[in-house]
Protein backbone atom coordinates (compact mmCIF):
# COMPACT_ATOMS: atom_id res chain seq x y z
CA MET A 1 -74.55 -89.03 27.03
CA LYS A 2 -77.13 -86.37 27.84
CA PRO A 3 -76.53 -84.73 31.24
CA SER A 4 -79.20 -84.71 33.90
CA PRO A 5 -80.76 -81.47 35.18
CA ARG A 6 -78.87 -82.07 38.43
CA GLU A 7 -75.52 -82.31 36.58
CA LEU A 8 -76.25 -79.02 34.81
CA ARG A 9 -77.21 -77.33 38.09
CA VAL A 10 -74.06 -78.60 39.84
CA LEU A 11 -71.83 -77.46 36.97
CA ARG A 12 -73.41 -73.99 36.74
CA THR A 13 -73.29 -73.53 40.51
CA GLY A 14 -69.65 -74.59 40.57
CA LEU A 15 -68.70 -72.19 37.79
CA ARG A 16 -70.44 -69.29 39.51
CA HIS A 17 -68.77 -70.10 42.83
CA HIS A 18 -65.30 -70.43 41.32
CA SER A 19 -65.71 -67.19 39.36
CA ILE A 20 -66.57 -65.32 42.54
CA MET A 21 -63.65 -66.85 44.44
CA TYR A 22 -61.25 -66.04 41.60
CA TYR A 23 -62.27 -62.38 41.49
CA ARG A 24 -62.00 -62.15 45.26
CA GLY A 25 -58.40 -63.29 44.91
CA GLU A 26 -59.11 -66.62 46.60
CA PRO A 27 -59.12 -69.19 43.78
CA GLU A 28 -59.89 -72.73 44.84
CA ILE A 29 -59.13 -74.47 41.54
CA GLU A 30 -56.59 -74.01 38.76
CA ASP A 31 -57.50 -71.94 35.71
CA TRP A 32 -57.37 -75.00 33.45
CA GLU A 33 -59.90 -76.78 35.70
CA TYR A 34 -62.30 -73.85 35.45
CA ASP A 35 -61.77 -73.69 31.69
CA ALA A 36 -62.56 -77.40 31.35
CA MET A 37 -65.79 -76.98 33.33
CA PHE A 38 -66.72 -73.94 31.24
CA ARG A 39 -66.06 -75.75 27.94
CA LEU A 40 -68.16 -78.71 29.10
CA LEU A 41 -71.09 -76.42 29.86
CA GLN A 42 -70.69 -74.72 26.47
CA LYS A 43 -70.69 -78.12 24.78
CA TRP A 44 -73.82 -79.24 26.59
CA GLU A 45 -75.65 -75.99 25.79
CA ARG A 46 -74.73 -76.29 22.11
CA GLN A 47 -75.55 -79.98 21.88
CA TRP A 48 -78.86 -79.68 23.76
CA PRO A 49 -80.24 -76.15 23.21
CA GLU A 50 -83.08 -76.83 25.64
CA PHE A 51 -80.47 -76.67 28.43
CA PHE A 52 -79.50 -73.08 27.57
CA ILE A 53 -80.63 -70.43 30.05
CA PRO A 54 -80.03 -66.67 29.66
CA ASP A 55 -78.17 -66.35 32.97
CA SER A 56 -75.83 -69.27 32.27
CA PRO A 57 -72.19 -68.73 33.24
CA THR A 58 -71.40 -69.05 29.53
CA GLN A 59 -73.17 -65.70 29.00
CA ILE A 60 -71.33 -63.67 31.63
CA VAL A 61 -69.05 -61.08 30.10
CA GLU A 62 -67.31 -59.88 33.24
CA TRP A 63 -67.44 -59.82 37.02
CA PRO A 64 -67.00 -56.60 38.99
CA ASP A 65 -63.63 -55.83 40.57
CA ASP A 66 -65.03 -55.80 44.10
CA GLY A 67 -65.77 -59.54 44.05
CA SER A 68 -69.48 -59.03 44.61
CA GLU A 69 -71.89 -61.47 43.05
CA GLU A 70 -73.40 -58.82 40.80
CA HIS A 71 -72.53 -59.41 37.16
CA TRP A 72 -73.42 -58.28 33.68
CA TYR A 73 -74.68 -60.36 30.80
CA LEU A 74 -74.17 -59.92 27.10
CA PRO A 75 -74.60 -62.72 24.59
CA ILE A 76 -71.19 -63.71 23.29
CA ASP A 77 -72.25 -63.15 19.69
CA GLN A 78 -73.02 -59.51 20.62
CA ASP A 79 -69.78 -58.91 22.54
CA PRO A 80 -67.43 -57.01 20.19
CA ASP A 81 -64.39 -57.71 22.40
CA HIS A 82 -65.01 -61.43 22.90
CA GLU A 83 -62.28 -62.68 20.56
CA ALA A 84 -59.61 -60.37 21.94
CA ARG A 85 -60.61 -61.00 25.55
CA TYR A 86 -60.56 -64.81 25.32
CA ALA A 87 -57.91 -65.47 22.66
CA PRO A 88 -55.10 -65.99 25.23
CA TYR A 89 -57.13 -68.69 26.98
CA ARG A 90 -58.54 -70.38 23.88
CA ASP A 91 -55.13 -71.37 22.56
CA LYS A 92 -53.48 -72.21 25.88
CA LYS A 93 -52.13 -75.76 26.07
CA GLN A 94 -52.94 -77.74 29.18
């Protein structure tokens, strides 16, 4: 079923919040929970391209070490280290 704009906003906001908390060393959810949220957003953006936005959490390459909310974007298809960086998580069993 197609998600509502509100569902997309809640999911993106949640992913951003949990990324910040993780990099501050104060995670509020388990890694597998974050990964499931992330994969759901990726699925929605692939299935309904009109939902894709350039500053989506699916486009963030890394967060700074200081836990600030500043981040850098690079489309995954242009990130030469994407496969190596995410391979350990992609194959992890839940």
